Amino acid sequence: MRVSNISRETKETCVSVRLTLEGGKVEISTGIGFFDHMLTALAFYGGLGLELTARGDLEVDGHHTVEDVGIVLGQALREALGDRRGIRRYASAFIPMDEALCFTALDFSNRPFLVFDADMPQARMGAYDACLTEEFMRALAVNSGLTLHMKALYGKNSHHITEALFKALGVAVKEAVRVEGTRVVSTKGVL
C-alpha cells in the first residue's frame, strides 16, 4: 500500500493528512465548507483514501488554511509515491460541469510547475475566496513535485469552474499514479 501520514503545525495552522493512493476512507474537515466539498471531490475522483483535518486562522481569512492544506497534501503525495517506480506518470482530463468546461494535464515529473488559467466570475463561494484555488494548486504542485497545467475553457459560475478543476485534477491523478510496471517512466532512469 502506498500510504503517507504528514502533519504540519505553524502559528497560523495545524494540518494533518493520511493519504492512501489505493483508496479508502474519505473524511475532510478544514472549517471551510466549500473547500471540504472540493477536497472530497478530489479524493473521490482520484480514487484516494484521504483523512484530512485542518485548523487555521479563519478569523483572518481562508488563505493560510487552504495553502497549508496544499502544502501538506503535496508532501503526502510525494511520500506515498516514493521513487515513482512503475507509475504511469502522465495524465489529463476534461471535466464538464453544467456550463463550465475545465482541463487538467499533469506529470509527476519531480519538477514542480503550475500553469493556471481560470477566470472566476464570482469572487466568493460561501466562506471560500475563488482566488484560493490557484494558491492551493500551486502549493500542491510544488510540494508533490508535480507539473500541473489547468485551464477553464469557459464557464459563468465560479462554483462550477472550481469544482470541475478539482474533479479534473482527481481524474488525472488517479490515472497518473496507477502502477503499470516496475520501471521508472523516464529516459533518464529517475524522476
N, C-alpha and C. Protein backbone atom coordinates (compact mmCIF):
# COMPACT_ATOMS: atom_id res chain seq x y z
N MET A 1 0.84 -1.19 0.00
CA MET A 1 0.00 0.00 0.00
C MET A 1 0.88 1.25 0.00
N ARG A 2 0.52 2.20 -0.84
CA ARG A 2 1.24 3.48 -0.88
C ARG A 2 0.48 4.46 0.01
N VAL A 3 1.01 4.63 1.21
CA VAL A 3 0.35 5.40 2.26
C VAL A 3 1.31 6.44 2.81
N SER A 4 0.77 7.56 3.23
CA SER A 4 1.58 8.61 3.86
C SER A 4 0.79 9.28 4.96
N ASN A 5 1.48 9.63 6.04
CA ASN A 5 0.92 10.41 7.14
C ASN A 5 1.82 11.62 7.34
N ILE A 6 1.29 12.81 7.13
CA ILE A 6 2.07 14.04 7.26
C ILE A 6 1.28 15.04 8.10
N SER A 7 1.99 15.73 8.97
CA SER A 7 1.39 16.81 9.75
C SER A 7 2.27 18.04 9.66
N ARG A 8 1.65 19.20 9.83
CA ARG A 8 2.37 20.47 9.81
C ARG A 8 1.66 21.41 10.77
N GLU A 9 2.44 22.03 11.66
CA GLU A 9 1.87 22.99 12.59
C GLU A 9 2.66 24.27 12.53
N THR A 10 1.96 25.38 12.34
CA THR A 10 2.57 26.71 12.34
C THR A 10 1.79 27.58 13.32
N LYS A 11 2.16 28.84 13.42
CA LYS A 11 1.41 29.76 14.26
C LYS A 11 0.03 30.06 13.67
N GLU A 12 -0.14 29.75 12.37
CA GLU A 12 -1.39 30.06 11.67
C GLU A 12 -2.30 28.85 11.47
N THR A 13 -1.70 27.65 11.34
CA THR A 13 -2.49 26.47 11.01
C THR A 13 -1.94 25.21 11.67
N CYS A 14 -2.79 24.20 11.71
CA CYS A 14 -2.40 22.86 12.11
C CYS A 14 -3.10 21.91 11.13
N VAL A 15 -2.32 21.19 10.33
CA VAL A 15 -2.87 20.33 9.28
C VAL A 15 -2.33 18.92 9.45
N SER A 16 -3.22 17.94 9.33
CA SER A 16 -2.85 16.53 9.42
C SER A 16 -3.50 15.78 8.26
N VAL A 17 -2.69 14.97 7.57
CA VAL A 17 -3.17 14.24 6.39
C VAL A 17 -2.74 12.78 6.48
N ARG A 18 -3.69 11.88 6.22
CA ARG A 18 -3.38 10.48 5.95
C ARG A 18 -3.89 10.21 4.54
N LEU A 19 -2.97 9.83 3.66
CA LEU A 19 -3.29 9.63 2.25
C LEU A 19 -2.97 8.19 1.86
N THR A 20 -3.92 7.55 1.20
CA THR A 20 -3.73 6.20 0.67
C THR A 20 -4.03 6.24 -0.82
N LEU A 21 -3.02 5.97 -1.65
CA LEU A 21 -3.21 6.06 -3.09
C LEU A 21 -4.14 4.97 -3.63
N GLU A 22 -4.29 3.88 -2.89
CA GLU A 22 -5.16 2.78 -3.34
C GLU A 22 -6.60 2.93 -2.85
N GLY A 23 -6.94 4.03 -2.26
CA GLY A 23 -8.32 4.27 -1.85
C GLY A 23 -8.54 4.00 -0.38
N GLY A 24 -9.74 4.30 0.07
CA GLY A 24 -10.10 4.12 1.46
C GLY A 24 -11.04 5.20 1.92
N LYS A 25 -11.07 5.36 3.22
CA LYS A 25 -11.99 6.32 3.86
C LYS A 25 -11.65 7.75 3.44
N VAL A 26 -12.69 8.55 3.25
CA VAL A 26 -12.53 9.98 2.96
C VAL A 26 -13.25 10.76 4.05
N GLU A 27 -12.49 11.48 4.85
CA GLU A 27 -13.03 12.35 5.90
C GLU A 27 -12.24 13.65 5.87
N ILE A 28 -12.93 14.74 5.61
CA ILE A 28 -12.30 16.04 5.44
C ILE A 28 -12.93 17.03 6.40
N SER A 29 -12.08 17.80 7.10
CA SER A 29 -12.58 18.87 7.96
C SER A 29 -11.56 19.99 8.01
N THR A 30 -11.87 21.10 7.33
CA THR A 30 -10.96 22.24 7.29
C THR A 30 -11.56 23.49 7.94
N GLY A 31 -12.86 23.46 8.23
CA GLY A 31 -13.52 24.65 8.72
C GLY A 31 -14.06 25.53 7.61
N ILE A 32 -13.80 25.15 6.36
CA ILE A 32 -14.30 25.89 5.19
C ILE A 32 -15.14 24.90 4.38
N GLY A 33 -16.45 25.00 4.49
CA GLY A 33 -17.36 24.02 3.90
C GLY A 33 -17.13 23.78 2.42
N PHE A 34 -16.99 24.84 1.63
CA PHE A 34 -16.81 24.67 0.19
C PHE A 34 -15.49 23.95 -0.11
N PHE A 35 -14.43 24.28 0.63
CA PHE A 35 -13.14 23.62 0.44
C PHE A 35 -13.23 22.14 0.80
N ASP A 36 -13.94 21.81 1.87
CA ASP A 36 -14.16 20.40 2.22
C ASP A 36 -14.82 19.67 1.05
N HIS A 37 -15.81 20.32 0.45
CA HIS A 37 -16.53 19.75 -0.69
C HIS A 37 -15.58 19.51 -1.87
N MET A 38 -14.68 20.44 -2.13
CA MET A 38 -13.72 20.29 -3.23
C MET A 38 -12.71 19.18 -2.95
N LEU A 39 -12.21 19.11 -1.73
CA LEU A 39 -11.24 18.06 -1.38
C LEU A 39 -11.88 16.68 -1.41
N THR A 40 -13.15 16.61 -1.03
CA THR A 40 -13.88 15.34 -1.10
C THR A 40 -14.03 14.91 -2.55
N ALA A 41 -14.34 15.85 -3.44
CA ALA A 41 -14.45 15.54 -4.86
C ALA A 41 -13.10 15.08 -5.42
N LEU A 42 -12.03 15.77 -5.05
CA LEU A 42 -10.68 15.39 -5.48
C LEU A 42 -10.37 13.95 -5.06
N ALA A 43 -10.62 13.62 -3.80
CA ALA A 43 -10.34 12.28 -3.30
C ALA A 43 -11.21 11.24 -3.99
N PHE A 44 -12.50 11.53 -4.15
CA PHE A 44 -13.42 10.58 -4.77
C PHE A 44 -13.00 10.27 -6.21
N TYR A 45 -12.79 11.30 -7.01
CA TYR A 45 -12.44 11.09 -8.42
C TYR A 45 -11.00 10.63 -8.59
N GLY A 46 -10.18 10.86 -7.57
CA GLY A 46 -8.80 10.37 -7.61
C GLY A 46 -8.66 8.95 -7.09
N GLY A 47 -9.75 8.37 -6.57
CA GLY A 47 -9.67 7.02 -6.01
C GLY A 47 -8.77 6.96 -4.79
N LEU A 48 -8.72 8.05 -4.04
CA LEU A 48 -7.81 8.17 -2.91
C LEU A 48 -8.51 7.95 -1.58
N GLY A 49 -7.80 7.38 -0.64
CA GLY A 49 -8.21 7.44 0.75
C GLY A 49 -7.62 8.72 1.31
N LEU A 50 -8.43 9.56 1.90
CA LEU A 50 -7.93 10.84 2.40
C LEU A 50 -8.62 11.20 3.71
N GLU A 51 -7.84 11.22 4.77
CA GLU A 51 -8.31 11.71 6.06
C GLU A 51 -7.53 12.98 6.34
N LEU A 52 -8.22 14.10 6.38
CA LEU A 52 -7.56 15.40 6.45
C LEU A 52 -8.28 16.29 7.45
N THR A 53 -7.53 16.82 8.39
CA THR A 53 -8.08 17.81 9.31
C THR A 53 -7.18 19.04 9.28
N ALA A 54 -7.81 20.18 9.35
CA ALA A 54 -7.06 21.44 9.38
C ALA A 54 -7.77 22.43 10.29
N ARG A 55 -6.98 23.07 11.13
CA ARG A 55 -7.46 24.19 11.93
C ARG A 55 -6.60 25.38 11.54
N GLY A 56 -7.24 26.48 11.23
CA GLY A 56 -6.48 27.65 10.82
C GLY A 56 -7.08 28.93 11.35
N ASP A 57 -6.39 30.01 11.04
CA ASP A 57 -6.82 31.34 11.50
C ASP A 57 -7.91 31.88 10.58
N LEU A 58 -9.05 31.20 10.59
CA LEU A 58 -10.16 31.58 9.72
C LEU A 58 -10.76 32.92 10.08
N GLU A 59 -10.45 33.40 11.29
CA GLU A 59 -10.92 34.75 11.65
C GLU A 59 -10.21 35.81 10.80
N VAL A 60 -9.04 35.46 10.24
CA VAL A 60 -8.34 36.34 9.30
C VAL A 60 -8.98 36.16 7.92
N ASP A 61 -8.82 34.97 7.37
CA ASP A 61 -9.47 34.52 6.13
C ASP A 61 -9.03 33.08 5.90
N GLY A 62 -9.36 32.52 4.74
CA GLY A 62 -9.05 31.12 4.47
C GLY A 62 -7.71 30.86 3.84
N HIS A 63 -6.96 31.92 3.53
CA HIS A 63 -5.74 31.75 2.74
C HIS A 63 -4.74 30.79 3.38
N HIS A 64 -4.39 31.01 4.65
CA HIS A 64 -3.37 30.17 5.29
C HIS A 64 -3.81 28.72 5.36
N THR A 65 -5.08 28.51 5.66
CA THR A 65 -5.60 27.14 5.76
C THR A 65 -5.54 26.44 4.41
N VAL A 66 -6.03 27.08 3.37
CA VAL A 66 -6.06 26.46 2.04
C VAL A 66 -4.65 26.19 1.53
N GLU A 67 -3.76 27.17 1.65
CA GLU A 67 -2.39 26.99 1.18
C GLU A 67 -1.68 25.89 1.96
N ASP A 68 -1.83 25.87 3.29
CA ASP A 68 -1.14 24.86 4.09
C ASP A 68 -1.69 23.47 3.84
N VAL A 69 -2.98 23.34 3.56
CA VAL A 69 -3.52 22.04 3.16
C VAL A 69 -2.86 21.60 1.85
N GLY A 70 -2.68 22.51 0.91
CA GLY A 70 -1.99 22.17 -0.33
C GLY A 70 -0.56 21.71 -0.09
N ILE A 71 0.13 22.39 0.82
CA ILE A 71 1.50 22.01 1.16
C ILE A 71 1.53 20.59 1.72
N VAL A 72 0.70 20.32 2.72
CA VAL A 72 0.75 19.02 3.39
C VAL A 72 0.25 17.91 2.48
N LEU A 73 -0.81 18.15 1.72
CA LEU A 73 -1.29 17.13 0.79
C LEU A 73 -0.24 16.86 -0.28
N GLY A 74 0.44 17.90 -0.74
CA GLY A 74 1.52 17.70 -1.70
C GLY A 74 2.65 16.86 -1.12
N GLN A 75 3.04 17.14 0.12
CA GLN A 75 4.09 16.35 0.77
C GLN A 75 3.65 14.90 0.93
N ALA A 76 2.38 14.69 1.25
CA ALA A 76 1.87 13.33 1.40
C ALA A 76 1.89 12.59 0.07
N LEU A 77 1.53 13.26 -1.02
CA LEU A 77 1.61 12.65 -2.35
C LEU A 77 3.04 12.26 -2.68
N ARG A 78 3.98 13.16 -2.44
CA ARG A 78 5.39 12.89 -2.71
C ARG A 78 5.86 11.66 -1.95
N GLU A 79 5.52 11.60 -0.65
CA GLU A 79 5.96 10.48 0.17
C GLU A 79 5.31 9.17 -0.26
N ALA A 80 4.01 9.20 -0.54
CA ALA A 80 3.29 7.99 -0.94
C ALA A 80 3.80 7.44 -2.28
N LEU A 81 4.24 8.31 -3.16
CA LEU A 81 4.74 7.88 -4.47
C LEU A 81 6.15 7.30 -4.41
N GLY A 82 6.88 7.60 -3.36
CA GLY A 82 8.24 7.06 -3.23
C GLY A 82 9.11 7.43 -4.41
N ASP A 83 9.78 6.44 -5.01
CA ASP A 83 10.66 6.73 -6.16
C ASP A 83 9.89 6.77 -7.48
N ARG A 84 8.58 6.63 -7.40
CA ARG A 84 7.67 6.73 -8.54
C ARG A 84 7.85 5.60 -9.54
N ARG A 85 8.52 4.56 -9.13
CA ARG A 85 8.76 3.40 -9.99
C ARG A 85 7.43 2.76 -10.39
N GLY A 86 7.25 2.57 -11.69
CA GLY A 86 6.09 1.86 -12.21
C GLY A 86 4.85 2.70 -12.46
N ILE A 87 4.83 3.96 -11.97
CA ILE A 87 3.62 4.75 -12.20
C ILE A 87 3.52 5.19 -13.65
N ARG A 88 2.30 5.40 -14.09
CA ARG A 88 2.05 5.87 -15.47
C ARG A 88 2.69 7.24 -15.69
N ARG A 89 2.67 8.10 -14.70
CA ARG A 89 3.33 9.40 -14.64
C ARG A 89 2.50 10.53 -15.25
N TYR A 90 2.07 10.42 -16.48
CA TYR A 90 1.33 11.47 -17.19
C TYR A 90 -0.17 11.16 -17.21
N ALA A 91 -0.98 12.22 -17.21
CA ALA A 91 -2.43 12.03 -17.41
C ALA A 91 -3.07 13.39 -17.68
N SER A 92 -4.27 13.33 -18.20
CA SER A 92 -5.04 14.55 -18.44
C SER A 92 -6.52 14.22 -18.37
N ALA A 93 -7.33 15.25 -18.18
CA ALA A 93 -8.78 15.05 -18.10
C ALA A 93 -9.51 16.34 -18.44
N PHE A 94 -10.58 16.22 -19.21
CA PHE A 94 -11.58 17.27 -19.41
C PHE A 94 -12.77 16.94 -18.53
N ILE A 95 -13.27 17.91 -17.78
CA ILE A 95 -14.45 17.70 -16.96
C ILE A 95 -15.45 18.83 -17.23
N PRO A 96 -16.67 18.48 -17.65
CA PRO A 96 -17.73 19.48 -17.76
C PRO A 96 -18.52 19.54 -16.46
N MET A 97 -18.97 20.70 -16.11
CA MET A 97 -19.92 20.84 -15.01
C MET A 97 -20.89 21.94 -15.41
N ASP A 98 -22.08 21.51 -15.77
CA ASP A 98 -23.09 22.43 -16.29
C ASP A 98 -22.50 23.28 -17.42
N GLU A 99 -22.45 24.61 -17.27
CA GLU A 99 -21.98 25.48 -18.36
C GLU A 99 -20.46 25.58 -18.43
N ALA A 100 -19.75 25.00 -17.46
CA ALA A 100 -18.29 25.13 -17.38
C ALA A 100 -17.59 23.90 -17.95
N LEU A 101 -16.46 24.12 -18.57
CA LEU A 101 -15.62 23.03 -19.06
C LEU A 101 -14.18 23.33 -18.67
N CYS A 102 -13.55 22.38 -17.97
CA CYS A 102 -12.19 22.57 -17.46
C CYS A 102 -11.29 21.42 -17.87
N PHE A 103 -10.00 21.72 -17.99
CA PHE A 103 -9.00 20.77 -18.44
C PHE A 103 -7.82 20.76 -17.48
N THR A 104 -7.31 19.58 -17.21
CA THR A 104 -6.09 19.41 -16.42
C THR A 104 -5.16 18.45 -17.14
N ALA A 105 -3.89 18.81 -17.22
CA ALA A 105 -2.84 17.90 -17.69
C ALA A 105 -1.74 17.93 -16.65
N LEU A 106 -1.19 16.75 -16.33
CA LEU A 106 -0.17 16.72 -15.29
C LEU A 106 0.90 15.67 -15.56
N ASP A 107 2.01 15.87 -14.87
CA ASP A 107 3.17 14.99 -14.98
C ASP A 107 3.81 14.92 -13.60
N PHE A 108 3.86 13.72 -13.01
CA PHE A 108 4.55 13.54 -11.73
C PHE A 108 6.04 13.44 -12.01
N SER A 109 6.61 14.52 -12.49
CA SER A 109 7.97 14.60 -13.02
C SER A 109 9.04 14.83 -11.96
N ASN A 110 8.63 15.26 -10.78
CA ASN A 110 9.54 15.73 -9.74
C ASN A 110 10.14 17.09 -10.11
N ARG A 111 9.53 17.76 -11.09
CA ARG A 111 9.89 19.12 -11.47
C ARG A 111 8.62 19.97 -11.34
N PRO A 112 8.41 20.57 -10.17
CA PRO A 112 7.14 21.27 -9.93
C PRO A 112 6.99 22.53 -10.77
N PHE A 113 5.77 22.68 -11.30
CA PHE A 113 5.44 23.87 -12.07
C PHE A 113 3.93 23.95 -12.15
N LEU A 114 3.39 25.15 -12.11
CA LEU A 114 1.96 25.35 -12.25
C LEU A 114 1.67 26.36 -13.33
N VAL A 115 0.79 25.99 -14.25
CA VAL A 115 0.18 26.93 -15.18
C VAL A 115 -1.31 26.88 -14.87
N PHE A 116 -1.87 28.01 -14.46
CA PHE A 116 -3.26 28.07 -14.02
C PHE A 116 -3.95 29.19 -14.79
N ASP A 117 -4.96 28.83 -15.57
CA ASP A 117 -5.68 29.81 -16.38
C ASP A 117 -7.17 29.58 -16.19
N ALA A 118 -7.72 30.23 -15.17
CA ALA A 118 -9.14 30.04 -14.86
C ALA A 118 -9.69 31.31 -14.24
N ASP A 119 -10.39 32.08 -15.04
CA ASP A 119 -11.05 33.27 -14.53
C ASP A 119 -12.27 32.85 -13.72
N MET A 120 -12.46 33.52 -12.59
CA MET A 120 -13.58 33.22 -11.71
C MET A 120 -14.55 34.41 -11.73
N PRO A 121 -15.74 34.23 -12.29
CA PRO A 121 -16.70 35.33 -12.40
C PRO A 121 -17.17 35.87 -11.04
N GLN A 122 -17.32 35.00 -10.04
CA GLN A 122 -17.72 35.44 -8.71
C GLN A 122 -16.53 35.28 -7.77
N ALA A 123 -16.34 36.23 -6.90
CA ALA A 123 -15.16 36.25 -6.02
C ALA A 123 -15.24 35.26 -4.86
N ARG A 124 -16.45 34.90 -4.46
CA ARG A 124 -16.59 34.01 -3.29
C ARG A 124 -17.63 32.93 -3.54
N MET A 125 -17.39 31.81 -2.87
CA MET A 125 -18.35 30.71 -2.80
C MET A 125 -18.47 30.37 -1.33
N GLY A 126 -19.50 30.82 -0.68
CA GLY A 126 -19.60 30.67 0.77
C GLY A 126 -18.46 31.41 1.44
N ALA A 127 -17.72 30.71 2.30
CA ALA A 127 -16.58 31.31 3.01
C ALA A 127 -15.27 31.11 2.26
N TYR A 128 -15.34 30.69 1.02
CA TYR A 128 -14.15 30.37 0.21
C TYR A 128 -13.93 31.44 -0.84
N ASP A 129 -12.74 32.03 -0.86
CA ASP A 129 -12.38 33.00 -1.88
C ASP A 129 -11.93 32.28 -3.14
N ALA A 130 -12.50 32.63 -4.28
CA ALA A 130 -12.21 31.94 -5.54
C ALA A 130 -10.72 31.95 -5.89
N CYS A 131 -10.01 33.01 -5.49
CA CYS A 131 -8.58 33.10 -5.81
C CYS A 131 -7.75 32.04 -5.08
N LEU A 132 -8.32 31.40 -4.06
CA LEU A 132 -7.57 30.41 -3.29
C LEU A 132 -7.35 29.11 -4.04
N THR A 133 -8.13 28.86 -5.08
CA THR A 133 -7.93 27.63 -5.86
C THR A 133 -6.54 27.62 -6.47
N GLU A 134 -6.11 28.73 -7.03
CA GLU A 134 -4.76 28.80 -7.61
C GLU A 134 -3.70 28.62 -6.52
N GLU A 135 -3.91 29.21 -5.35
CA GLU A 135 -2.94 29.06 -4.26
C GLU A 135 -2.82 27.60 -3.82
N PHE A 136 -3.96 26.92 -3.71
CA PHE A 136 -3.94 25.50 -3.35
C PHE A 136 -3.19 24.69 -4.39
N MET A 137 -3.51 24.91 -5.67
CA MET A 137 -2.88 24.13 -6.73
C MET A 137 -1.37 24.37 -6.78
N ARG A 138 -0.94 25.60 -6.56
CA ARG A 138 0.49 25.90 -6.55
C ARG A 138 1.19 25.16 -5.40
N ALA A 139 0.63 25.24 -4.20
CA ALA A 139 1.22 24.57 -3.04
C ALA A 139 1.26 23.06 -3.26
N LEU A 140 0.20 22.49 -3.82
CA LEU A 140 0.16 21.06 -4.10
C LEU A 140 1.23 20.67 -5.11
N ALA A 141 1.32 21.42 -6.21
CA ALA A 141 2.29 21.09 -7.26
C ALA A 141 3.72 21.19 -6.75
N VAL A 142 4.05 22.27 -6.07
CA VAL A 142 5.42 22.48 -5.59
C VAL A 142 5.82 21.39 -4.60
N ASN A 143 4.93 21.03 -3.71
CA ASN A 143 5.28 20.09 -2.64
C ASN A 143 5.18 18.63 -3.04
N SER A 144 4.51 18.32 -4.14
CA SER A 144 4.44 16.94 -4.60
C SER A 144 5.40 16.66 -5.75
N GLY A 145 6.01 17.71 -6.32
CA GLY A 145 6.88 17.53 -7.47
C GLY A 145 6.07 17.28 -8.73
N LEU A 146 5.03 18.06 -8.91
CA LEU A 146 4.06 17.87 -9.98
C LEU A 146 4.11 19.02 -10.97
N THR A 147 4.22 18.71 -12.25
CA THR A 147 3.99 19.70 -13.29
C THR A 147 2.50 19.67 -13.57
N LEU A 148 1.84 20.81 -13.37
CA LEU A 148 0.39 20.85 -13.40
C LEU A 148 -0.09 22.01 -14.26
N HIS A 149 -0.87 21.69 -15.28
CA HIS A 149 -1.48 22.69 -16.15
C HIS A 149 -2.99 22.57 -16.00
N MET A 150 -3.65 23.70 -15.71
CA MET A 150 -5.10 23.72 -15.52
C MET A 150 -5.69 24.89 -16.29
N LYS A 151 -6.81 24.63 -16.96
CA LYS A 151 -7.45 25.69 -17.73
C LYS A 151 -8.97 25.53 -17.67
N ALA A 152 -9.64 26.65 -17.40
CA ALA A 152 -11.09 26.70 -17.57
C ALA A 152 -11.33 27.22 -18.97
N LEU A 153 -11.84 26.37 -19.84
CA LEU A 153 -12.08 26.78 -21.22
C LEU A 153 -13.21 27.80 -21.29
N TYR A 154 -14.23 27.59 -20.46
CA TYR A 154 -15.30 28.56 -20.33
C TYR A 154 -16.15 28.20 -19.12
N GLY A 155 -16.98 29.13 -18.71
CA GLY A 155 -17.86 28.94 -17.57
C GLY A 155 -18.32 30.29 -17.05
N LYS A 156 -19.50 30.31 -16.43
CA LYS A 156 -20.07 31.55 -15.90
C LYS A 156 -20.27 31.51 -14.40
N ASN A 157 -20.01 30.35 -13.78
CA ASN A 157 -20.28 30.18 -12.37
C ASN A 157 -19.00 29.68 -11.69
N SER A 158 -18.49 30.45 -10.74
CA SER A 158 -17.23 30.10 -10.07
C SER A 158 -17.30 28.76 -9.35
N HIS A 159 -18.46 28.44 -8.80
CA HIS A 159 -18.63 27.13 -8.14
C HIS A 159 -18.41 26.01 -9.16
N HIS A 160 -19.04 26.10 -10.30
CA HIS A 160 -18.92 25.07 -11.32
C HIS A 160 -17.50 24.98 -11.86
N ILE A 161 -16.87 26.12 -12.10
CA ILE A 161 -15.50 26.13 -12.61
C ILE A 161 -14.56 25.48 -11.60
N THR A 162 -14.65 25.89 -10.36
CA THR A 162 -13.76 25.37 -9.33
C THR A 162 -13.97 23.87 -9.14
N GLU A 163 -15.22 23.45 -9.09
CA GLU A 163 -15.49 22.02 -8.90
C GLU A 163 -15.00 21.21 -10.09
N ALA A 164 -15.16 21.71 -11.30
CA ALA A 164 -14.65 20.99 -12.47
C ALA A 164 -13.12 20.89 -12.43
N LEU A 165 -12.45 21.94 -11.94
CA LEU A 165 -10.98 21.89 -11.83
C LEU A 165 -10.54 20.83 -10.82
N PHE A 166 -11.18 20.78 -9.66
CA PHE A 166 -10.82 19.79 -8.64
C PHE A 166 -11.13 18.37 -9.13
N LYS A 167 -12.25 18.19 -9.81
CA LYS A 167 -12.59 16.86 -10.33
C LYS A 167 -11.63 16.44 -11.43
N ALA A 168 -11.27 17.38 -12.31
CA ALA A 168 -10.31 17.06 -13.37
C ALA A 168 -8.96 16.68 -12.77
N LEU A 169 -8.56 17.37 -11.71
CA LEU A 169 -7.32 17.00 -11.02
C LEU A 169 -7.42 15.58 -10.47
N GLY A 170 -8.54 15.26 -9.82
CA GLY A 170 -8.71 13.91 -9.28
C GLY A 170 -8.64 12.84 -10.34
N VAL A 171 -9.36 13.02 -11.44
CA VAL A 171 -9.37 12.04 -12.52
C VAL A 171 -7.95 11.84 -13.07
N ALA A 172 -7.23 12.94 -13.27
CA ALA A 172 -5.87 12.84 -13.81
C ALA A 172 -4.91 12.20 -12.82
N VAL A 173 -5.02 12.56 -11.53
CA VAL A 173 -4.14 11.95 -10.52
C VAL A 173 -4.36 10.44 -10.48
N LYS A 174 -5.62 10.01 -10.50
CA LYS A 174 -5.91 8.57 -10.46
C LYS A 174 -5.21 7.83 -11.58
N GLU A 175 -5.26 8.40 -12.77
CA GLU A 175 -4.62 7.79 -13.94
C GLU A 175 -3.10 7.81 -13.83
N ALA A 176 -2.55 8.95 -13.41
CA ALA A 176 -1.09 9.12 -13.40
C ALA A 176 -0.38 8.29 -12.34
N VAL A 177 -1.02 8.04 -11.20
CA VAL A 177 -0.35 7.28 -10.13
C VAL A 177 -0.58 5.78 -10.27
N ARG A 178 -1.37 5.37 -11.27
CA ARG A 178 -1.62 3.94 -11.48
C ARG A 178 -0.30 3.24 -11.80
N VAL A 179 -0.07 2.13 -11.15
CA VAL A 179 1.15 1.35 -11.38
C VAL A 179 0.93 0.46 -12.60
N GLU A 180 1.81 0.61 -13.59
CA GLU A 180 1.70 -0.16 -14.83
C GLU A 180 2.89 -1.08 -15.06
N GLY A 181 3.90 -0.98 -14.25
CA GLY A 181 5.08 -1.82 -14.45
C GLY A 181 6.04 -1.66 -13.29
N THR A 182 7.31 -1.88 -13.56
CA THR A 182 8.32 -1.81 -12.50
C THR A 182 9.40 -0.78 -12.77
N ARG A 183 9.42 -0.25 -13.97
CA ARG A 183 10.48 0.71 -14.31
C ARG A 183 10.03 2.14 -14.04
N VAL A 184 11.00 3.02 -13.92
CA VAL A 184 10.71 4.44 -13.82
C VAL A 184 10.47 4.96 -15.24
N VAL A 185 9.34 5.61 -15.44
CA VAL A 185 8.98 6.11 -16.77
C VAL A 185 9.73 7.41 -17.02
N SER A 186 11.00 7.26 -17.44
CA SER A 186 11.84 8.40 -17.76
C SER A 186 13.05 7.92 -18.55
N THR A 187 13.40 8.64 -19.59
CA THR A 187 14.61 8.29 -20.33
C THR A 187 15.86 8.48 -19.48
N LYS A 188 15.76 9.29 -18.43
CA LYS A 188 16.89 9.50 -17.51
C LYS A 188 17.05 8.33 -16.54
N GLY A 189 15.97 7.57 -16.33
CA GLY A 189 16.00 6.45 -15.39
C GLY A 189 15.59 6.83 -13.99
N VAL A 190 15.38 8.13 -13.72
CA VAL A 190 14.93 8.59 -12.40
C VAL A 190 13.94 9.73 -12.58
N LEU A 191 13.11 9.91 -11.60
CA LEU A 191 12.19 11.07 -11.57
C LEU A 191 12.51 11.87 -10.32
